[in-house]
Amino acid sequence: MENKHQPATENLEIVEKQDRNARQREILSYLHDLVYGLAVVLLVFMLFFRIVVVSGPSMMQTLKNGDCLLLVCNTFYGRPKQGDIVVASKSTFKNGEPIIKRVIATEGQEVNIDFVKGIVYVDGVALDEPYTNTPTTLFEGVQFPVIVEEGCVFVMGDNRNDSWDSRSQDIGMIDRRELLGRAIFIAFPGVNKDSGRREFNRIGALW
């Protein structure tokens, strides 16, 4: 009786082995596709985006020290616009250490500042700046009015009285080629120095 049932048992084992091999091949194929998919996503991310971390108080209250930001790389950013939050690396300032500021004016525009009233004018029009932490009363050396040079932008921090920016001769106007990109998203908030906590409700797009 045992010999009669043995071929059926062997056939069952063969079928089960084939099923296991098929499942293993399916899993390996899935892992192969997953690895290649992740590699493509990583490559695209590296080409189009980068992660930067805010250092210092110059963009408060819009951005805070330690905020982790998603940046669209300069290659795909296009022409800067007034109001954009950008990251730049200027070789003449702190050996190219990246700085993050807001674009106030672009090439050909006139910038003037009334340091008594704390008002910034672009092409003779007072800017509505609800994002600033303080009025613009800090004079840093550049004489106004100034015309933004071709291929450059004029930038300032939102925390106007605690920011080294285009008002300073050490920084001046930023050549567009010195821009690393535009900050578009707060991916992870820094620690609030007053509460000692992270405000996760701040995660979101920067416009």
N, C-alpha and C. Protein backbone atom coordinates (compact mmCIF):
# COMPACT_ATOMS: atom_id res chain seq x y z
N MET A 1 0.83 -1.20 0.00
CA MET A 1 0.00 0.00 0.00
C MET A 1 0.87 1.26 0.00
N GLU A 2 1.97 1.22 0.73
CA GLU A 2 2.83 2.39 0.82
C GLU A 2 3.40 2.76 -0.54
N ASN A 3 3.78 1.72 -1.34
CA ASN A 3 4.36 1.99 -2.65
C ASN A 3 3.36 2.62 -3.59
N LYS A 4 2.08 2.27 -3.44
CA LYS A 4 1.04 2.84 -4.31
C LYS A 4 0.85 4.32 -4.04
N HIS A 5 0.97 4.70 -2.76
CA HIS A 5 0.74 6.12 -2.40
C HIS A 5 2.01 6.98 -2.56
N GLN A 6 3.17 6.37 -2.68
CA GLN A 6 4.42 7.12 -2.73
C GLN A 6 4.51 8.07 -3.93
N PRO A 7 4.15 7.61 -5.14
CA PRO A 7 4.21 8.55 -6.28
C PRO A 7 3.35 9.77 -6.07
N ALA A 8 2.15 9.61 -5.49
CA ALA A 8 1.27 10.76 -5.25
C ALA A 8 1.90 11.72 -4.26
N THR A 9 2.56 11.19 -3.24
CA THR A 9 3.24 12.03 -2.24
C THR A 9 4.38 12.79 -2.88
N GLU A 10 5.14 12.08 -3.72
CA GLU A 10 6.26 12.74 -4.41
C GLU A 10 5.76 13.85 -5.33
N ASN A 11 4.67 13.57 -6.02
CA ASN A 11 4.09 14.59 -6.91
C ASN A 11 3.65 15.82 -6.12
N LEU A 12 3.06 15.60 -4.94
CA LEU A 12 2.62 16.70 -4.09
C LEU A 12 3.81 17.53 -3.62
N GLU A 13 4.90 16.85 -3.25
CA GLU A 13 6.10 17.56 -2.81
C GLU A 13 6.68 18.38 -3.96
N ILE A 14 6.67 17.81 -5.16
CA ILE A 14 7.18 18.53 -6.34
C ILE A 14 6.36 19.79 -6.60
N VAL A 15 5.03 19.63 -6.51
CA VAL A 15 4.13 20.78 -6.73
C VAL A 15 4.38 21.86 -5.69
N GLU A 16 4.50 21.43 -4.41
CA GLU A 16 4.74 22.39 -3.34
C GLU A 16 6.08 23.11 -3.53
N LYS A 17 7.11 22.36 -3.97
CA LYS A 17 8.41 22.96 -4.21
C LYS A 17 8.35 23.97 -5.35
N GLN A 18 7.60 23.62 -6.39
CA GLN A 18 7.44 24.53 -7.52
C GLN A 18 6.72 25.80 -7.09
N ASP A 19 5.69 25.62 -6.22
CA ASP A 19 4.97 26.79 -5.71
C ASP A 19 5.88 27.69 -4.89
N ARG A 20 6.73 27.06 -4.04
CA ARG A 20 7.65 27.85 -3.23
C ARG A 20 8.64 28.61 -4.11
N ASN A 21 9.16 27.93 -5.14
CA ASN A 21 10.11 28.58 -6.06
C ASN A 21 9.44 29.73 -6.80
N ALA A 22 8.18 29.52 -7.18
CA ALA A 22 7.45 30.57 -7.90
C ALA A 22 7.24 31.78 -6.99
N ARG A 23 6.88 31.53 -5.72
CA ARG A 23 6.68 32.62 -4.77
C ARG A 23 7.99 33.36 -4.51
N GLN A 24 9.09 32.60 -4.40
CA GLN A 24 10.39 33.23 -4.18
C GLN A 24 10.79 34.10 -5.36
N ARG A 25 10.55 33.59 -6.59
CA ARG A 25 10.86 34.39 -7.77
C ARG A 25 10.00 35.65 -7.82
N GLU A 26 8.73 35.50 -7.40
CA GLU A 26 7.82 36.65 -7.39
C GLU A 26 8.28 37.69 -6.37
N ILE A 27 8.71 37.23 -5.19
CA ILE A 27 9.20 38.15 -4.16
C ILE A 27 10.48 38.84 -4.62
N LEU A 28 11.40 38.06 -5.21
CA LEU A 28 12.65 38.64 -5.69
C LEU A 28 12.39 39.66 -6.79
N SER A 29 11.43 39.34 -7.67
CA SER A 29 11.08 40.29 -8.74
C SER A 29 10.50 41.56 -8.15
N TYR A 30 9.66 41.42 -7.13
CA TYR A 30 9.06 42.59 -6.46
C TYR A 30 10.15 43.44 -5.79
N LEU A 31 11.07 42.78 -5.08
CA LEU A 31 12.15 43.51 -4.41
C LEU A 31 13.05 44.20 -5.44
N HIS A 32 13.31 43.53 -6.55
CA HIS A 32 14.12 44.11 -7.62
C HIS A 32 13.47 45.39 -8.15
N ASP A 33 12.16 45.30 -8.43
CA ASP A 33 11.44 46.48 -8.94
C ASP A 33 11.39 47.58 -7.88
N LEU A 34 11.24 47.19 -6.60
CA LEU A 34 11.17 48.16 -5.52
C LEU A 34 12.50 48.92 -5.39
N VAL A 35 13.60 48.19 -5.43
CA VAL A 35 14.93 48.82 -5.31
C VAL A 35 15.17 49.79 -6.46
N TYR A 36 14.84 49.36 -7.67
CA TYR A 36 15.04 50.24 -8.83
C TYR A 36 14.11 51.44 -8.76
N GLY A 37 12.87 51.22 -8.30
CA GLY A 37 11.92 52.32 -8.15
C GLY A 37 12.41 53.35 -7.15
N LEU A 38 12.92 52.87 -6.01
CA LEU A 38 13.45 53.77 -4.98
C LEU A 38 14.67 54.51 -5.49
N ALA A 39 15.51 53.83 -6.29
CA ALA A 39 16.70 54.48 -6.84
C ALA A 39 16.31 55.62 -7.78
N VAL A 40 15.27 55.38 -8.60
CA VAL A 40 14.80 56.42 -9.51
C VAL A 40 14.23 57.60 -8.73
N VAL A 41 13.42 57.31 -7.71
CA VAL A 41 12.84 58.37 -6.88
C VAL A 41 13.94 59.17 -6.20
N LEU A 42 14.94 58.48 -5.67
CA LEU A 42 16.05 59.16 -5.00
C LEU A 42 16.82 60.04 -5.97
N LEU A 43 17.06 59.52 -7.18
CA LEU A 43 17.78 60.29 -8.19
C LEU A 43 17.02 61.55 -8.57
N VAL A 44 15.71 61.39 -8.80
CA VAL A 44 14.86 62.54 -9.15
C VAL A 44 14.87 63.56 -8.01
N PHE A 45 14.75 63.06 -6.78
CA PHE A 45 14.73 63.95 -5.61
C PHE A 45 16.04 64.72 -5.51
N MET A 46 17.16 64.03 -5.75
CA MET A 46 18.47 64.69 -5.64
C MET A 46 18.65 65.74 -6.74
N LEU A 47 18.07 65.49 -7.90
CA LEU A 47 18.20 66.43 -9.01
C LEU A 47 17.31 67.66 -8.82
N PHE A 48 16.09 67.44 -8.31
CA PHE A 48 15.11 68.51 -8.25
C PHE A 48 15.07 69.20 -6.88
N PHE A 49 15.37 68.48 -5.82
CA PHE A 49 15.17 69.00 -4.48
C PHE A 49 16.42 68.79 -3.62
N ARG A 50 16.44 69.51 -2.51
CA ARG A 50 17.41 69.26 -1.47
C ARG A 50 16.80 69.67 -0.13
N ILE A 51 17.38 69.16 0.94
CA ILE A 51 16.92 69.48 2.29
C ILE A 51 17.91 70.47 2.91
N VAL A 52 17.39 71.56 3.49
CA VAL A 52 18.23 72.52 4.19
C VAL A 52 17.66 72.75 5.58
N VAL A 53 18.53 73.15 6.49
CA VAL A 53 18.11 73.43 7.86
C VAL A 53 18.40 74.89 8.18
N VAL A 54 17.41 75.58 8.71
CA VAL A 54 17.55 77.00 9.05
C VAL A 54 18.49 77.14 10.25
N SER A 55 19.42 78.09 10.12
CA SER A 55 20.34 78.37 11.22
C SER A 55 20.26 79.86 11.55
N GLY A 56 19.81 80.17 12.76
CA GLY A 56 19.73 81.56 13.20
C GLY A 56 18.33 82.13 13.15
N PRO A 57 18.17 83.37 13.64
CA PRO A 57 16.85 83.98 13.81
C PRO A 57 16.45 84.95 12.70
N SER A 58 17.21 85.04 11.61
CA SER A 58 16.99 86.13 10.65
C SER A 58 15.68 86.06 9.88
N MET A 59 15.02 84.89 9.88
CA MET A 59 13.75 84.77 9.15
C MET A 59 12.54 84.61 10.07
N MET A 60 12.72 84.85 11.37
CA MET A 60 11.58 84.79 12.29
C MET A 60 10.58 85.90 11.93
N GLN A 61 9.26 85.68 12.08
CA GLN A 61 8.64 84.48 12.61
C GLN A 61 8.26 83.48 11.51
N THR A 62 8.56 83.79 10.27
CA THR A 62 8.22 82.87 9.19
C THR A 62 8.93 81.55 9.36
N LEU A 63 10.23 81.61 9.60
CA LEU A 63 11.05 80.42 9.81
C LEU A 63 11.80 80.56 11.12
N LYS A 64 12.02 79.42 11.76
CA LYS A 64 12.70 79.44 13.05
C LYS A 64 13.95 78.57 13.01
N ASN A 65 14.86 78.86 13.90
CA ASN A 65 16.11 78.11 13.98
C ASN A 65 15.81 76.62 14.09
N GLY A 66 16.45 75.84 13.21
CA GLY A 66 16.27 74.39 13.25
C GLY A 66 15.19 73.87 12.33
N ASP A 67 14.41 74.75 11.70
CA ASP A 67 13.40 74.29 10.74
C ASP A 67 14.07 73.53 9.61
N CYS A 68 13.49 72.41 9.24
CA CYS A 68 13.99 71.61 8.12
C CYS A 68 13.11 71.91 6.91
N LEU A 69 13.73 72.39 5.82
CA LEU A 69 12.99 72.87 4.67
C LEU A 69 13.27 72.03 3.43
N LEU A 70 12.25 71.94 2.57
CA LEU A 70 12.42 71.33 1.25
C LEU A 70 12.69 72.45 0.26
N LEU A 71 13.75 72.30 -0.51
CA LEU A 71 14.22 73.33 -1.42
C LEU A 71 14.16 72.83 -2.86
N VAL A 72 13.55 73.62 -3.76
CA VAL A 72 13.61 73.33 -5.19
C VAL A 72 14.94 73.84 -5.70
N CYS A 73 15.76 72.97 -6.29
CA CYS A 73 17.10 73.35 -6.72
C CYS A 73 17.05 74.44 -7.78
N ASN A 74 18.09 75.24 -7.80
CA ASN A 74 18.16 76.40 -8.68
C ASN A 74 18.01 76.03 -10.15
N THR A 75 18.50 74.85 -10.55
CA THR A 75 18.43 74.42 -11.95
C THR A 75 17.00 74.38 -12.45
N PHE A 76 16.07 74.04 -11.55
CA PHE A 76 14.66 73.89 -11.94
C PHE A 76 13.77 74.97 -11.33
N TYR A 77 14.40 75.92 -10.66
CA TYR A 77 13.64 76.97 -9.97
C TYR A 77 13.12 78.02 -10.93
N GLY A 78 13.90 78.40 -11.93
CA GLY A 78 13.47 79.46 -12.84
C GLY A 78 13.84 80.83 -12.32
N ARG A 79 13.13 81.84 -12.77
CA ARG A 79 13.46 83.21 -12.39
C ARG A 79 12.85 83.54 -11.02
N PRO A 80 13.65 84.10 -10.11
CA PRO A 80 13.14 84.47 -8.79
C PRO A 80 12.06 85.55 -8.91
N LYS A 81 11.11 85.49 -7.99
CA LYS A 81 10.03 86.48 -7.95
C LYS A 81 10.02 87.14 -6.57
N GLN A 82 9.51 88.36 -6.55
CA GLN A 82 9.38 89.09 -5.29
C GLN A 82 8.54 88.26 -4.32
N GLY A 83 9.05 88.10 -3.11
CA GLY A 83 8.35 87.33 -2.09
C GLY A 83 8.86 85.92 -1.92
N ASP A 84 9.62 85.41 -2.90
CA ASP A 84 10.17 84.06 -2.78
C ASP A 84 11.15 83.99 -1.62
N ILE A 85 11.13 82.86 -0.92
CA ILE A 85 12.13 82.60 0.12
C ILE A 85 13.22 81.74 -0.51
N VAL A 86 14.44 82.26 -0.53
CA VAL A 86 15.52 81.59 -1.26
C VAL A 86 16.71 81.30 -0.34
N VAL A 87 17.50 80.33 -0.77
CA VAL A 87 18.76 80.02 -0.10
C VAL A 87 19.89 80.36 -1.06
N ALA A 88 20.87 81.09 -0.58
CA ALA A 88 21.99 81.52 -1.42
C ALA A 88 23.32 81.17 -0.76
N SER A 89 24.33 81.04 -1.59
CA SER A 89 25.69 80.83 -1.09
C SER A 89 26.58 81.86 -1.77
N LYS A 90 26.97 82.88 -1.01
CA LYS A 90 27.78 83.97 -1.55
C LYS A 90 29.22 83.82 -1.05
N SER A 91 30.13 83.62 -1.98
CA SER A 91 31.51 83.31 -1.61
C SER A 91 32.17 84.41 -0.78
N THR A 92 31.72 85.65 -0.97
CA THR A 92 32.33 86.77 -0.25
C THR A 92 31.79 86.91 1.18
N PHE A 93 30.81 86.10 1.55
CA PHE A 93 30.22 86.20 2.89
C PHE A 93 30.37 84.87 3.61
N LYS A 94 31.14 84.86 4.67
CA LYS A 94 31.33 83.67 5.51
C LYS A 94 31.70 82.44 4.70
N ASN A 95 32.60 82.63 3.73
CA ASN A 95 33.13 81.53 2.91
C ASN A 95 32.03 80.71 2.24
N GLY A 96 30.98 81.39 1.82
CA GLY A 96 29.93 80.69 1.08
C GLY A 96 28.91 79.98 1.95
N GLU A 97 28.92 80.23 3.24
CA GLU A 97 27.94 79.60 4.12
C GLU A 97 26.53 79.98 3.66
N PRO A 98 25.64 79.00 3.46
CA PRO A 98 24.31 79.30 2.93
C PRO A 98 23.53 80.25 3.84
N ILE A 99 22.81 81.17 3.21
CA ILE A 99 21.93 82.08 3.94
C ILE A 99 20.53 81.95 3.34
N ILE A 100 19.51 82.13 4.17
CA ILE A 100 18.14 82.05 3.69
C ILE A 100 17.46 83.39 3.92
N LYS A 101 16.89 83.95 2.85
CA LYS A 101 16.30 85.28 2.89
C LYS A 101 15.08 85.33 1.98
N ARG A 102 14.41 86.48 1.99
CA ARG A 102 13.25 86.69 1.13
C ARG A 102 13.63 87.67 0.02
N VAL A 103 13.20 87.36 -1.21
CA VAL A 103 13.44 88.24 -2.34
C VAL A 103 12.53 89.47 -2.21
N ILE A 104 13.15 90.64 -2.17
CA ILE A 104 12.41 91.89 -2.04
C ILE A 104 12.23 92.56 -3.41
N ALA A 105 13.24 92.43 -4.25
CA ALA A 105 13.18 93.05 -5.58
C ALA A 105 14.07 92.27 -6.54
N THR A 106 13.75 92.37 -7.82
CA THR A 106 14.52 91.68 -8.84
C THR A 106 15.17 92.71 -9.77
N GLU A 107 15.92 92.22 -10.76
CA GLU A 107 16.73 93.11 -11.61
C GLU A 107 15.92 94.24 -12.22
N GLY A 108 16.52 95.44 -12.18
CA GLY A 108 15.90 96.62 -12.76
C GLY A 108 14.98 97.38 -11.83
N GLN A 109 14.61 96.79 -10.69
CA GLN A 109 13.71 97.47 -9.76
C GLN A 109 14.51 98.36 -8.81
N GLU A 110 13.86 99.42 -8.36
CA GLU A 110 14.48 100.34 -7.41
C GLU A 110 14.01 100.01 -6.00
N VAL A 111 14.98 99.91 -5.10
CA VAL A 111 14.67 99.67 -3.68
C VAL A 111 15.05 100.91 -2.88
N ASN A 112 14.13 101.34 -2.04
CA ASN A 112 14.39 102.45 -1.14
C ASN A 112 13.83 102.09 0.23
N ILE A 113 14.48 102.57 1.27
CA ILE A 113 14.05 102.24 2.63
C ILE A 113 14.00 103.50 3.48
N ASP A 114 12.87 103.71 4.13
CA ASP A 114 12.74 104.78 5.12
C ASP A 114 13.03 104.14 6.48
N PHE A 115 14.26 104.32 6.96
CA PHE A 115 14.67 103.66 8.20
C PHE A 115 14.05 104.29 9.44
N VAL A 116 13.48 105.48 9.30
CA VAL A 116 12.79 106.12 10.43
C VAL A 116 11.41 105.48 10.62
N LYS A 117 10.69 105.34 9.53
CA LYS A 117 9.35 104.74 9.60
C LYS A 117 9.40 103.22 9.47
N GLY A 118 10.54 102.70 9.02
CA GLY A 118 10.67 101.25 8.88
C GLY A 118 9.95 100.70 7.67
N ILE A 119 9.83 101.49 6.61
CA ILE A 119 9.06 101.09 5.43
C ILE A 119 9.99 100.84 4.25
N VAL A 120 9.73 99.76 3.51
CA VAL A 120 10.50 99.42 2.32
C VAL A 120 9.67 99.77 1.09
N TYR A 121 10.31 100.44 0.14
CA TYR A 121 9.65 100.81 -1.11
C TYR A 121 10.33 100.11 -2.28
N VAL A 122 9.53 99.59 -3.19
CA VAL A 122 10.04 99.03 -4.44
C VAL A 122 9.36 99.76 -5.59
N ASP A 123 10.18 100.39 -6.42
CA ASP A 123 9.67 101.22 -7.52
C ASP A 123 8.69 102.28 -7.01
N GLY A 124 9.01 102.84 -5.84
CA GLY A 124 8.22 103.93 -5.28
C GLY A 124 6.96 103.50 -4.54
N VAL A 125 6.69 102.20 -4.48
CA VAL A 125 5.48 101.69 -3.81
C VAL A 125 5.86 101.02 -2.50
N ALA A 126 5.21 101.44 -1.42
CA ALA A 126 5.48 100.83 -0.10
C ALA A 126 5.00 99.38 -0.11
N LEU A 127 5.88 98.47 0.35
CA LEU A 127 5.52 97.06 0.39
C LEU A 127 4.61 96.76 1.57
N ASP A 128 3.62 95.91 1.33
CA ASP A 128 2.80 95.37 2.41
C ASP A 128 3.50 94.10 2.87
N GLU A 129 4.05 94.14 4.08
CA GLU A 129 4.88 93.03 4.54
C GLU A 129 4.38 92.45 5.87
N PRO A 130 3.29 91.71 5.83
CA PRO A 130 2.77 91.12 7.07
C PRO A 130 3.67 90.04 7.64
N TYR A 131 4.63 89.57 6.86
CA TYR A 131 5.51 88.49 7.30
C TYR A 131 6.67 88.97 8.16
N THR A 132 6.91 90.30 8.21
CA THR A 132 8.09 90.78 8.96
C THR A 132 7.87 90.70 10.46
N ASN A 133 8.95 90.38 11.16
CA ASN A 133 8.90 90.30 12.62
C ASN A 133 9.06 91.67 13.25
N THR A 134 9.78 92.56 12.57
CA THR A 134 10.02 93.92 13.07
C THR A 134 10.05 94.87 11.87
N PRO A 135 9.79 96.16 12.07
CA PRO A 135 9.93 97.13 10.97
C PRO A 135 11.40 97.21 10.54
N THR A 136 11.62 97.74 9.33
CA THR A 136 12.98 97.81 8.78
C THR A 136 13.65 99.11 9.23
N THR A 137 14.22 99.08 10.41
CA THR A 137 14.86 100.28 10.97
C THR A 137 16.37 100.16 11.10
N LEU A 138 16.91 98.97 10.77
CA LEU A 138 18.35 98.74 10.93
C LEU A 138 19.10 99.09 9.65
N PHE A 139 19.95 100.10 9.74
CA PHE A 139 20.79 100.51 8.62
C PHE A 139 22.09 99.71 8.67
N GLU A 140 22.48 99.08 7.55
CA GLU A 140 23.65 98.21 7.55
C GLU A 140 24.77 98.70 6.65
N GLY A 141 24.65 99.89 6.06
CA GLY A 141 25.77 100.44 5.31
C GLY A 141 25.48 100.79 3.87
N VAL A 142 24.59 100.06 3.19
CA VAL A 142 24.27 100.36 1.80
C VAL A 142 23.42 101.63 1.73
N GLN A 143 23.78 102.52 0.84
CA GLN A 143 23.05 103.78 0.68
C GLN A 143 21.87 103.58 -0.29
N PHE A 144 20.73 104.09 0.09
CA PHE A 144 19.52 103.94 -0.73
C PHE A 144 19.09 105.30 -1.27
N PRO A 145 18.36 105.27 -2.43
CA PRO A 145 17.85 104.11 -3.16
C PRO A 145 18.92 103.42 -3.98
N VAL A 146 18.64 102.14 -4.33
CA VAL A 146 19.54 101.38 -5.21
C VAL A 146 18.70 100.72 -6.30
N ILE A 147 19.34 100.52 -7.45
CA ILE A 147 18.72 99.78 -8.55
C ILE A 147 19.32 98.38 -8.56
N VAL A 148 18.45 97.36 -8.56
CA VAL A 148 18.94 95.98 -8.56
C VAL A 148 19.62 95.70 -9.90
N GLU A 149 20.85 95.21 -9.83
CA GLU A 149 21.65 94.97 -11.02
C GLU A 149 21.10 93.81 -11.84
N GLU A 150 21.48 93.79 -13.11
CA GLU A 150 21.03 92.73 -14.02
C GLU A 150 21.50 91.37 -13.51
N GLY A 151 20.60 90.40 -13.54
CA GLY A 151 20.94 89.04 -13.11
C GLY A 151 21.02 88.87 -11.61
N CYS A 152 20.55 89.87 -10.84
CA CYS A 152 20.66 89.82 -9.38
C CYS A 152 19.29 89.98 -8.71
N VAL A 153 19.27 89.70 -7.41
CA VAL A 153 18.09 89.95 -6.58
C VAL A 153 18.53 90.68 -5.33
N PHE A 154 17.60 91.43 -4.77
CA PHE A 154 17.83 92.11 -3.49
C PHE A 154 17.04 91.34 -2.44
N VAL A 155 17.72 90.91 -1.38
CA VAL A 155 17.07 90.04 -0.39
C VAL A 155 17.18 90.64 1.01
N MET A 156 16.21 90.29 1.84
CA MET A 156 16.26 90.66 3.26
C MET A 156 15.62 89.55 4.09
N GLY A 157 16.05 89.47 5.35
CA GLY A 157 15.42 88.54 6.27
C GLY A 157 14.12 89.13 6.81
N ASP A 158 13.19 88.28 7.21
CA ASP A 158 11.92 88.76 7.75
C ASP A 158 12.09 89.39 9.13
N ASN A 159 13.12 88.97 9.84
CA ASN A 159 13.42 89.55 11.16
C ASN A 159 14.38 90.71 10.93
N ARG A 160 13.84 91.83 10.46
CA ARG A 160 14.62 92.89 9.85
C ARG A 160 15.73 93.48 10.72
N ASN A 161 15.57 93.45 12.01
CA ASN A 161 16.59 94.04 12.88
C ASN A 161 17.55 93.01 13.46
N ASP A 162 17.51 91.81 12.89
CA ASP A 162 18.46 90.76 13.30
C ASP A 162 18.79 89.91 12.07
N SER A 163 19.18 90.59 11.00
CA SER A 163 19.46 89.89 9.75
C SER A 163 20.55 90.60 8.95
N TRP A 164 21.58 89.86 8.58
CA TRP A 164 22.56 90.35 7.61
C TRP A 164 22.03 90.02 6.23
N ASP A 165 21.85 91.03 5.38
CA ASP A 165 21.25 90.78 4.07
C ASP A 165 21.74 91.83 3.07
N SER A 166 20.96 92.09 2.03
CA SER A 166 21.41 93.00 0.97
C SER A 166 21.58 94.44 1.43
N ARG A 167 21.14 94.76 2.64
CA ARG A 167 21.41 96.09 3.20
C ARG A 167 22.87 96.25 3.59
N SER A 168 23.56 95.13 3.73
CA SER A 168 24.95 95.13 4.15
C SER A 168 25.88 95.05 2.93
N GLN A 169 26.95 95.82 2.95
CA GLN A 169 27.93 95.75 1.88
C GLN A 169 28.66 94.43 1.85
N ASP A 170 28.66 93.71 2.98
CA ASP A 170 29.30 92.39 3.02
C ASP A 170 28.53 91.37 2.17
N ILE A 171 27.24 91.61 1.99
CA ILE A 171 26.41 90.69 1.19
C ILE A 171 25.96 91.36 -0.10
N GLY A 172 25.30 92.50 0.03
CA GLY A 172 24.84 93.21 -1.16
C GLY A 172 23.85 92.41 -1.97
N MET A 173 23.79 92.72 -3.24
CA MET A 173 22.86 92.01 -4.11
C MET A 173 23.36 90.59 -4.38
N ILE A 174 22.42 89.68 -4.59
CA ILE A 174 22.75 88.28 -4.80
C ILE A 174 22.61 87.96 -6.29
N ASP A 175 23.69 87.46 -6.87
CA ASP A 175 23.64 87.00 -8.25
C ASP A 175 22.76 85.75 -8.31
N ARG A 176 21.92 85.64 -9.33
CA ARG A 176 21.03 84.48 -9.43
C ARG A 176 21.81 83.17 -9.48
N ARG A 177 23.04 83.23 -9.98
CA ARG A 177 23.86 82.02 -10.03
C ARG A 177 24.31 81.58 -8.64
N GLU A 178 24.19 82.48 -7.65
CA GLU A 178 24.56 82.15 -6.28
C GLU A 178 23.38 81.57 -5.49
N LEU A 179 22.21 81.53 -6.13
CA LEU A 179 21.05 80.95 -5.47
C LEU A 179 21.11 79.43 -5.54
N LEU A 180 20.91 78.78 -4.41
CA LEU A 180 20.85 77.32 -4.37
C LEU A 180 19.45 76.83 -4.70
N GLY A 181 18.46 77.69 -4.49
CA GLY A 181 17.08 77.31 -4.81
C GLY A 181 16.07 78.05 -3.96
N ARG A 182 14.83 77.65 -4.11
CA ARG A 182 13.72 78.27 -3.40
C ARG A 182 13.14 77.32 -2.37
N ALA A 183 12.95 77.81 -1.14
CA ALA A 183 12.32 77.01 -0.08
C ALA A 183 10.82 76.98 -0.33
N ILE A 184 10.25 75.77 -0.36
CA ILE A 184 8.81 75.65 -0.68
C ILE A 184 8.00 74.97 0.42
N PHE A 185 8.68 74.33 1.39
CA PHE A 185 7.92 73.52 2.35
C PHE A 185 8.69 73.37 3.65
N ILE A 186 7.99 73.56 4.77
CA ILE A 186 8.56 73.23 6.08
C ILE A 186 8.28 71.76 6.32
N ALA A 187 9.34 70.94 6.26
CA ALA A 187 9.17 69.50 6.40
C ALA A 187 9.17 69.05 7.86
N PHE A 188 9.91 69.78 8.70
CA PHE A 188 10.01 69.43 10.11
C PHE A 188 10.36 70.69 10.87
N PRO A 189 9.59 71.03 11.90
CA PRO A 189 9.82 72.30 12.61
C PRO A 189 10.97 72.22 13.60
N GLY A 190 11.65 73.35 13.75
CA GLY A 190 12.66 73.45 14.80
C GLY A 190 12.00 73.63 16.16
N VAL A 191 12.81 73.63 17.19
CA VAL A 191 12.29 73.78 18.56
C VAL A 191 12.04 75.26 18.85
N ASN A 192 10.85 75.56 19.33
CA ASN A 192 10.52 76.92 19.74
C ASN A 192 11.33 77.26 20.99
N LYS A 193 12.15 78.32 20.90
CA LYS A 193 13.05 78.63 22.02
C LYS A 193 12.30 79.07 23.27
N ASP A 194 11.06 79.56 23.10
CA ASP A 194 10.28 79.99 24.27
C ASP A 194 9.60 78.83 24.97
N SER A 195 8.98 77.93 24.18
CA SER A 195 8.25 76.81 24.77
C SER A 195 9.10 75.56 24.91
N GLY A 196 10.22 75.49 24.13
CA GLY A 196 11.04 74.29 24.14
C GLY A 196 10.40 73.13 23.41
N ARG A 197 9.37 73.40 22.61
CA ARG A 197 8.64 72.36 21.89
C ARG A 197 8.66 72.62 20.39
N ARG A 198 8.36 71.58 19.64
CA ARG A 198 8.21 71.70 18.19
C ARG A 198 6.74 71.96 17.85
N GLU A 199 6.50 72.95 17.02
CA GLU A 199 5.13 73.29 16.64
C GLU A 199 4.82 72.60 15.31
N PHE A 200 4.28 71.38 15.41
CA PHE A 200 4.06 70.58 14.21
C PHE A 200 2.97 71.15 13.30
N ASN A 201 2.17 72.05 13.83
CA ASN A 201 1.16 72.70 12.98
C ASN A 201 1.81 73.65 11.96
N ARG A 202 3.10 73.93 12.11
CA ARG A 202 3.79 74.79 11.17
C ARG A 202 4.24 74.04 9.92
N ILE A 203 4.17 72.72 9.94
CA ILE A 203 4.54 71.94 8.76
C ILE A 203 3.59 72.31 7.60
N GLY A 204 4.18 72.62 6.46
CA GLY A 204 3.34 72.97 5.32
C GLY A 204 4.07 73.82 4.31
N ALA A 205 3.35 74.23 3.28
CA ALA A 205 3.92 74.98 2.17
C ALA A 205 4.28 76.40 2.56
N LEU A 206 5.33 76.92 1.91
CA LEU A 206 5.76 78.31 2.08
C LEU A 206 5.38 79.08 0.82
N TRP A 207 4.55 80.08 0.98
CA TRP A 207 4.12 80.87 -0.18
C TRP A 207 4.35 82.33 0.10
